Amino acid sequence: MDVLPTGSNVAASCVVCNSRYPRARLSLGYVTCLSCGDKDAKRVKHCIVPMHKSNYIPVTDPKLLVQINSKGVRS
């Protein structure tokens, strides 16, 4: 990660595309620019499922979601 001083602000370079992004984003722990971070976030899809008399679980595999369904798949 290349951190370069630019006046009072310090810009960092994205580790994916090497474009510059603001110091505030770097201080939040992001090492990618906004557009690369958005592309990365869209690759992972999930939903949160409430379990009966239990807690919530994140589901990333649709097959697991079908197995969790207590009523099963109707024909």
PDB file of N, CA and C in Angstrom:
ATOM      1  N   MET A   1       0.856  -1.169   0.000  1.00  0.00           N
ATOM      2  CA  MET A   1       0.000   0.000   0.000  1.00  0.00           C
ATOM      3  C   MET A   1       0.898   1.226   0.000  1.00  0.00           C
ATOM      4  N   ASP A   2       0.712   2.078  -0.967  1.00  0.00           N
ATOM      5  CA  ASP A   2       1.529   3.259  -1.142  1.00  0.00           C
ATOM      6  C   ASP A   2       0.814   4.463  -0.542  1.00  0.00           C
ATOM      7  N   VAL A   3       1.386   5.035   0.492  1.00  0.00           N
ATOM      8  CA  VAL A   3       0.792   6.213   1.122  1.00  0.00           C
ATOM      9  C   VAL A   3       1.632   7.412   0.745  1.00  0.00           C
ATOM     10  N   LEU A   4       1.005   8.393   0.097  1.00  0.00           N
ATOM     11  CA  LEU A   4       1.716   9.560  -0.403  1.00  0.00           C
ATOM     12  C   LEU A   4       1.142  10.834   0.192  1.00  0.00           C
ATOM     13  N   PRO A   5       2.006  11.757   0.674  1.00  0.00           N
ATOM     14  CA  PRO A   5       1.493  13.019   1.188  1.00  0.00           C
ATOM     15  C   PRO A   5       1.045  13.928   0.045  1.00  0.00           C
ATOM     16  N   THR A   6      -0.123  14.542   0.181  1.00  0.00           N
ATOM     17  CA  THR A   6      -0.615  15.521  -0.797  1.00  0.00           C
ATOM     18  C   THR A   6      -1.156  16.710  -0.027  1.00  0.00           C
ATOM     19  N   GLY A   7      -0.285  17.586   0.400  1.00  0.00           N
ATOM     20  CA  GLY A   7      -0.697  18.750   1.178  1.00  0.00           C
ATOM     21  C   GLY A   7      -1.102  18.342   2.582  1.00  0.00           C
ATOM     22  N   SER A   8      -2.263  18.823   3.039  1.00  0.00           N
ATOM     23  CA  SER A   8      -2.728  18.486   4.378  1.00  0.00           C
ATOM     24  C   SER A   8      -3.394  17.116   4.409  1.00  0.00           C
ATOM     25  N   ASN A   9      -3.824  16.605   3.243  1.00  0.00           N
ATOM     26  CA  ASN A   9      -4.438  15.287   3.169  1.00  0.00           C
ATOM     27  C   ASN A   9      -3.399  14.262   2.742  1.00  0.00           C
ATOM     28  N   VAL A  10      -3.588  13.055   3.152  1.00  0.00           N
ATOM     29  CA  VAL A  10      -2.714  11.971   2.727  1.00  0.00           C
ATOM     30  C   VAL A  10      -3.587  10.995   1.947  1.00  0.00           C
ATOM     31  N   ALA A  11      -3.168  10.668   0.728  1.00  0.00           N
ATOM     32  CA  ALA A  11      -3.932   9.740  -0.097  1.00  0.00           C
ATOM     33  C   ALA A  11      -3.230   8.393  -0.102  1.00  0.00           C
ATOM     34  N   ALA A  12      -4.012   7.339  -0.273  1.00  0.00           N
ATOM     35  CA  ALA A  12      -3.470   5.989  -0.358  1.00  0.00           C
ATOM     36  C   ALA A  12      -3.797   5.425  -1.733  1.00  0.00           C
ATOM     37  N   SER A  13      -3.054   4.412  -2.146  1.00  0.00           N
ATOM     38  CA  SER A  13      -3.310   3.778  -3.436  1.00  0.00           C
ATOM     39  C   SER A  13      -4.060   2.477  -3.215  1.00  0.00           C
ATOM     40  N   CYS A  14      -5.038   2.233  -4.066  1.00  0.00           N
ATOM     41  CA  CYS A  14      -5.833   1.005  -4.018  1.00  0.00           C
ATOM     42  C   CYS A  14      -4.935  -0.186  -4.350  1.00  0.00           C
ATOM     43  N   VAL A  15      -5.071  -1.284  -3.613  1.00  0.00           N
ATOM     44  CA  VAL A  15      -4.248  -2.467  -3.849  1.00  0.00           C
ATOM     45  C   VAL A  15      -4.700  -3.242  -5.079  1.00  0.00           C
ATOM     46  N   VAL A  16      -5.894  -2.935  -5.602  1.00  0.00           N
ATOM     47  CA  VAL A  16      -6.411  -3.641  -6.778  1.00  0.00           C
ATOM     48  C   VAL A  16      -6.100  -2.870  -8.061  1.00  0.00           C
ATOM     49  N   CYS A  17      -6.528  -1.607  -8.129  1.00  0.00           N
ATOM     50  CA  CYS A  17      -6.397  -0.836  -9.374  1.00  0.00           C
ATOM     51  C   CYS A  17      -5.355   0.278  -9.302  1.00  0.00           C
ATOM     52  N   ASN A  18      -4.751   0.490  -8.152  1.00  0.00           N
ATOM     53  CA  ASN A  18      -3.704   1.489  -7.934  1.00  0.00           C
ATOM     54  C   ASN A  18      -4.199   2.935  -8.067  1.00  0.00           C
ATOM     55  N   SER A  19      -5.508   3.176  -7.991  1.00  0.00           N
ATOM     56  CA  SER A  19      -6.007   4.548  -8.003  1.00  0.00           C
ATOM     57  C   SER A  19      -5.945   5.114  -6.587  1.00  0.00           C
ATOM     58  N   ARG A  20      -5.991   6.415  -6.479  1.00  0.00           N
ATOM     59  CA  ARG A  20      -5.896   7.075  -5.178  1.00  0.00           C
ATOM     60  C   ARG A  20      -7.261   7.167  -4.525  1.00  0.00           C
ATOM     61  N   TYR A  21      -7.299   7.054  -3.205  1.00  0.00           N
ATOM     62  CA  TYR A  21      -8.535   7.233  -2.438  1.00  0.00           C
ATOM     63  C   TYR A  21      -8.202   7.999  -1.158  1.00  0.00           C
ATOM     64  N   PRO A  22      -9.198   8.624  -0.508  1.00  0.00           N
ATOM     65  CA  PRO A  22      -8.958   9.524   0.632  1.00  0.00           C
ATOM     66  C   PRO A  22      -8.384   8.826   1.869  1.00  0.00           C
ATOM     67  N   ARG A  23      -7.674   9.616   2.637  1.00  0.00           N
ATOM     68  CA  ARG A  23      -7.056   9.145   3.874  1.00  0.00           C
ATOM     69  C   ARG A  23      -8.102   8.657   4.874  1.00  0.00           C
ATOM     70  N   ALA A  24      -9.265   9.279   4.883  1.00  0.00           N
ATOM     71  CA  ALA A  24     -10.321   8.879   5.824  1.00  0.00           C
ATOM     72  C   ALA A  24     -10.741   7.429   5.584  1.00  0.00           C
ATOM     73  N   ARG A  25     -10.785   7.017   4.323  1.00  0.00           N
ATOM     74  CA  ARG A  25     -11.136   5.630   4.003  1.00  0.00           C
ATOM     75  C   ARG A  25     -10.041   4.689   4.494  1.00  0.00           C
ATOM     76  N   LEU A  26      -8.801   5.084   4.348  1.00  0.00           N
ATOM     77  CA  LEU A  26      -7.681   4.275   4.836  1.00  0.00           C
ATOM     78  C   LEU A  26      -7.723   4.151   6.357  1.00  0.00           C
ATOM     79  N   SER A  27      -8.071   5.227   7.041  1.00  0.00           N
ATOM     80  CA  SER A  27      -8.114   5.187   8.507  1.00  0.00           C
ATOM     81  C   SER A  27      -9.239   4.277   9.019  1.00  0.00           C
ATOM     82  N   LEU A  28     -10.246   4.010   8.179  1.00  0.00           N
ATOM     83  CA  LEU A  28     -11.313   3.072   8.542  1.00  0.00           C
ATOM     84  C   LEU A  28     -10.905   1.619   8.307  1.00  0.00           C
ATOM     85  N   GLY A  29      -9.741   1.418   7.699  1.00  0.00           N
ATOM     86  CA  GLY A  29      -9.232   0.067   7.498  1.00  0.00           C
ATOM     87  C   GLY A  29      -9.407  -0.478   6.092  1.00  0.00           C
ATOM     88  N   TYR A  30      -9.935   0.318   5.178  1.00  0.00           N
ATOM     89  CA  TYR A  30     -10.114  -0.136   3.798  1.00  0.00           C
ATOM     90  C   TYR A  30      -8.816   0.032   3.014  1.00  0.00           C
ATOM     91  N   VAL A  31      -8.452  -0.969   2.242  1.00  0.00           N
ATOM     92  CA  VAL A  31      -7.233  -0.897   1.429  1.00  0.00           C
ATOM     93  C   VAL A  31      -7.561  -0.813  -0.060  1.00  0.00           C
ATOM     94  N   THR A  32      -8.844  -0.683  -0.379  1.00  0.00           N
ATOM     95  CA  THR A  32      -9.278  -0.538  -1.763  1.00  0.00           C
ATOM     96  C   THR A  32     -10.057   0.756  -1.931  1.00  0.00           C
ATOM     97  N   CYS A  33     -10.118   1.234  -3.183  1.00  0.00           N
ATOM     98  CA  CYS A  33     -10.928   2.415  -3.471  1.00  0.00           C
ATOM     99  C   CYS A  33     -12.406   2.025  -3.402  1.00  0.00           C
ATOM    100  N   LEU A  34     -13.272   3.007  -3.490  1.00  0.00           N
ATOM    101  CA  LEU A  34     -14.702   2.758  -3.349  1.00  0.00           C
ATOM    102  C   LEU A  34     -15.239   1.851  -4.449  1.00  0.00           C
ATOM    103  N   SER A  35     -14.812   2.051  -5.698  1.00  0.00           N
ATOM    104  CA  SER A  35     -15.348   1.226  -6.786  1.00  0.00           C
ATOM    105  C   SER A  35     -14.867  -0.220  -6.690  1.00  0.00           C
ATOM    106  N   CYS A  36     -13.612  -0.464  -6.331  1.00  0.00           N
ATOM    107  CA  CYS A  36     -13.117  -1.839  -6.167  1.00  0.00           C
ATOM    108  C   CYS A  36     -13.754  -2.502  -4.950  1.00  0.00           C
ATOM    109  N   GLY A  37     -13.960  -1.746  -3.883  1.00  0.00           N
ATOM    110  CA  GLY A  37     -14.614  -2.282  -2.694  1.00  0.00           C
ATOM    111  C   GLY A  37     -16.064  -2.646  -2.964  1.00  0.00           C
ATOM    112  N   ASP A  38     -16.735  -1.853  -3.807  1.00  0.00           N
ATOM    113  CA  ASP A  38     -18.120  -2.141  -4.171  1.00  0.00           C
ATOM    114  C   ASP A  38     -18.206  -3.422  -5.004  1.00  0.00           C
ATOM    115  N   LYS A  39     -17.296  -3.598  -5.941  1.00  0.00           N
ATOM    116  CA  LYS A  39     -17.269  -4.822  -6.753  1.00  0.00           C
ATOM    117  C   LYS A  39     -17.032  -6.053  -5.874  1.00  0.00           C
ATOM    118  N   ASP A  40     -16.133  -5.925  -4.912  1.00  0.00           N
ATOM    119  CA  ASP A  40     -15.830  -7.039  -4.007  1.00  0.00           C
ATOM    120  C   ASP A  40     -17.032  -7.377  -3.123  1.00  0.00           C
ATOM    121  N   ALA A  41     -17.739  -6.358  -2.657  1.00  0.00           N
ATOM    122  CA  ALA A  41     -18.895  -6.582  -1.788  1.00  0.00           C
ATOM    123  C   ALA A  41     -20.049  -7.243  -2.534  1.00  0.00           C
ATOM    124  N   LYS A  42     -20.184  -6.972  -3.821  1.00  0.00           N
ATOM    125  CA  LYS A  42     -21.282  -7.545  -4.603  1.00  0.00           C
ATOM    126  C   LYS A  42     -21.058  -9.009  -4.938  1.00  0.00           C
ATOM    127  N   ARG A  43     -19.837  -9.507  -4.781  1.00  0.00           N
ATOM    128  CA  ARG A  43     -19.571 -10.916  -5.079  1.00  0.00           C
ATOM    129  C   ARG A  43     -20.143 -11.841  -4.018  1.00  0.00           C
ATOM    130  N   VAL A  44     -20.236 -11.391  -2.786  1.00  0.00           N
ATOM    131  CA  VAL A  44     -20.725 -12.223  -1.685  1.00  0.00           C
ATOM    132  C   VAL A  44     -22.177 -11.878  -1.414  1.00  0.00           C
ATOM    133  N   LYS A  45     -23.044 -12.854  -1.544  1.00  0.00           N
ATOM    134  CA  LYS A  45     -24.469 -12.648  -1.277  1.00  0.00           C
ATOM    135  C   LYS A  45     -24.855 -13.500  -0.074  1.00  0.00           C
ATOM    136  N   HIS A  46     -25.677 -12.946   0.791  1.00  0.00           N
ATOM    137  CA  HIS A  46     -26.136 -13.688   1.960  1.00  0.00           C
ATOM    138  C   HIS A  46     -27.479 -13.137   2.430  1.00  0.00           C
ATOM    139  N   CYS A  47     -28.125 -13.903   3.274  1.00  0.00           N
ATOM    140  CA  CYS A  47     -29.329 -13.427   3.942  1.00  0.00           C
ATOM    141  C   CYS A  47     -29.286 -13.943   5.382  1.00  0.00           C
ATOM    142  N   ILE A  48     -30.011 -13.288   6.230  1.00  0.00           N
ATOM    143  CA  ILE A  48     -30.071 -13.661   7.637  1.00  0.00           C
ATOM    144  C   ILE A  48     -31.399 -14.373   7.875  1.00  0.00           C
ATOM    145  N   VAL A  49     -31.332 -15.570   8.468  1.00  0.00           N
ATOM    146  CA  VAL A  49     -32.519 -16.395   8.663  1.00  0.00           C
ATOM    147  C   VAL A  49     -32.785 -16.572  10.160  1.00  0.00           C
ATOM    148  N   PRO A  50     -34.001 -16.258  10.612  1.00  0.00           N
ATOM    149  CA  PRO A  50     -34.334 -16.510  12.020  1.00  0.00           C
ATOM    150  C   PRO A  50     -34.659 -17.987  12.220  1.00  0.00           C
ATOM    151  N   MET A  51     -34.089 -18.586  13.232  1.00  0.00           N
ATOM    152  CA  MET A  51     -34.353 -19.988  13.552  1.00  0.00           C
ATOM    153  C   MET A  51     -35.458 -20.028  14.617  1.00  0.00           C
ATOM    154  N   HIS A  52     -36.310 -21.041  14.544  1.00  0.00           N
ATOM    155  CA  HIS A  52     -37.414 -21.170  15.488  1.00  0.00           C
ATOM    156  C   HIS A  52     -36.877 -21.372  16.908  1.00  0.00           C
ATOM    157  N   LYS A  53     -37.282 -20.514  17.826  1.00  0.00           N
ATOM    158  CA  LYS A  53     -36.856 -20.546  19.232  1.00  0.00           C
ATOM    159  C   LYS A  53     -35.338 -20.557  19.368  1.00  0.00           C
ATOM    160  N   SER A  54     -34.668 -19.815  18.525  1.00  0.00           N
ATOM    161  CA  SER A  54     -33.211 -19.772  18.552  1.00  0.00           C
ATOM    162  C   SER A  54     -32.754 -18.392  18.078  1.00  0.00           C
ATOM    163  N   ASN A  55     -31.558 -18.345  17.578  1.00  0.00           N
ATOM    164  CA  ASN A  55     -30.993 -17.083  17.120  1.00  0.00           C
ATOM    165  C   ASN A  55     -31.074 -16.978  15.600  1.00  0.00           C
ATOM    166  N   TYR A  56     -30.427 -15.985  15.041  1.00  0.00           N
ATOM    167  CA  TYR A  56     -30.375 -15.770  13.605  1.00  0.00           C
ATOM    168  C   TYR A  56     -29.078 -16.352  13.054  1.00  0.00           C
ATOM    169  N   ILE A  57     -29.121 -16.889  11.837  1.00  0.00           N
ATOM    170  CA  ILE A  57     -27.898 -17.395  11.221  1.00  0.00           C
ATOM    171  C   ILE A  57     -27.768 -16.812   9.813  1.00  0.00           C
ATOM    172  N   PRO A  58     -26.545 -16.471   9.410  1.00  0.00           N
ATOM    173  CA  PRO A  58     -26.332 -16.002   8.033  1.00  0.00           C
ATOM    174  C   PRO A  58     -26.263 -17.198   7.087  1.00  0.00           C
ATOM    175  N   VAL A  59     -26.919 -17.094   5.946  1.00  0.00           N
ATOM    176  CA  VAL A  59     -26.922 -18.171   4.960  1.00  0.00           C
ATOM    177  C   VAL A  59     -26.346 -17.630   3.656  1.00  0.00           C
ATOM    178  N   THR A  60     -25.307 -18.295   3.146  1.00  0.00           N
ATOM    179  CA  THR A  60     -24.709 -17.902   1.875  1.00  0.00           C
ATOM    180  C   THR A  60     -24.954 -18.938   0.787  1.00  0.00           C
ATOM    181  N   ASP A  61     -25.423 -20.125   1.160  1.00  0.00           N
ATOM    182  CA  ASP A  61     -25.684 -21.193   0.201  1.00  0.00           C
ATOM    183  C   ASP A  61     -27.190 -21.441   0.122  1.00  0.00           C
ATOM    184  N   PRO A  62     -27.806 -21.278  -1.049  1.00  0.00           N
ATOM    185  CA  PRO A  62     -29.256 -21.495  -1.166  1.00  0.00           C
ATOM    186  C   PRO A  62     -29.690 -22.906  -0.796  1.00  0.00           C
ATOM    187  N   LYS A  63     -28.834 -23.898  -0.978  1.00  0.00           N
ATOM    188  CA  LYS A  63     -29.175 -25.279  -0.611  1.00  0.00           C
ATOM    189  C   LYS A  63     -29.383 -25.399   0.897  1.00  0.00           C
ATOM    190  N   LEU A  64     -28.567 -24.701   1.668  1.00  0.00           N
ATOM    191  CA  LEU A  64     -28.718 -24.709   3.115  1.00  0.00           C
ATOM    192  C   LEU A  64     -30.040 -24.073   3.521  1.00  0.00           C
ATOM    193  N   LEU A  65     -30.434 -23.036   2.817  1.00  0.00           N
ATOM    194  CA  LEU A  65     -31.694 -22.373   3.117  1.00  0.00           C
ATOM    195  C   LEU A  65     -32.872 -23.320   2.907  1.00  0.00           C
ATOM    196  N   VAL A  66     -32.823 -24.157   1.876  1.00  0.00           N
ATOM    197  CA  VAL A  66     -33.886 -25.133   1.630  1.00  0.00           C
ATOM    198  C   VAL A  66     -33.897 -26.185   2.738  1.00  0.00           C
ATOM    199  N   GLN A  67     -32.725 -26.610   3.217  1.00  0.00           N
ATOM    200  CA  GLN A  67     -32.637 -27.613   4.274  1.00  0.00           C
ATOM    201  C   GLN A  67     -33.151 -27.080   5.605  1.00  0.00           C
ATOM    202  N   ILE A  68     -32.977 -25.799   5.844  1.00  0.00           N
ATOM    203  CA  ILE A  68     -33.409 -25.195   7.103  1.00  0.00           C
ATOM    204  C   ILE A  68     -34.932 -25.076   7.166  1.00  0.00           C
ATOM    205  N   ASN A  69     -35.569 -24.947   6.017  1.00  0.00           N
ATOM    206  CA  ASN A  69     -37.016 -24.776   5.959  1.00  0.00           C
ATOM    207  C   ASN A  69     -37.709 -25.945   6.652  1.00  0.00           C
ATOM    208  N   SER A  70     -38.396 -25.676   7.750  1.00  0.00           N
ATOM    209  CA  SER A  70     -39.005 -26.741   8.551  1.00  0.00           C
ATOM    210  C   SER A  70     -40.215 -27.371   7.862  1.00  0.00           C
ATOM    211  N   LYS A  71     -40.843 -26.664   6.947  1.00  0.00           N
ATOM    212  CA  LYS A  71     -42.003 -27.213   6.269  1.00  0.00           C
ATOM    213  C   LYS A  71     -41.623 -28.006   5.031  1.00  0.00           C
ATOM    214  N   GLY A  72     -40.384 -27.912   4.628  1.00  0.00           N
ATOM    215  CA  GLY A  72     -39.925 -28.675   3.472  1.00  0.00           C
ATOM    216  C   GLY A  72     -40.408 -28.079   2.161  1.00  0.00           C
ATOM    217  N   VAL A  73     -40.021 -28.699   1.096  1.00  0.00           N
ATOM    218  CA  VAL A  73     -40.409 -28.249  -0.226  1.00  0.00           C
ATOM    219  C   VAL A  73     -41.697 -28.949  -0.621  1.00  0.00           C
ATOM    220  N   ARG A  74     -42.677 -28.175  -0.995  1.00  0.00           N
ATOM    221  CA  ARG A  74     -43.966 -28.746  -1.399  1.00  0.00           C
ATOM    222  C   ARG A  74     -43.958 -29.057  -2.880  1.00  0.00           C
ATOM    223  N   SER A  75     -44.589 -30.174  -3.251  1.00  0.00           N
ATOM    224  CA  SER A  75     -44.644 -30.567  -4.665  1.00  0.00           C
ATOM    225  C   SER A  75     -45.826 -29.961  -5.367  1.00  0.00           C
TER     226      SER A  75
END
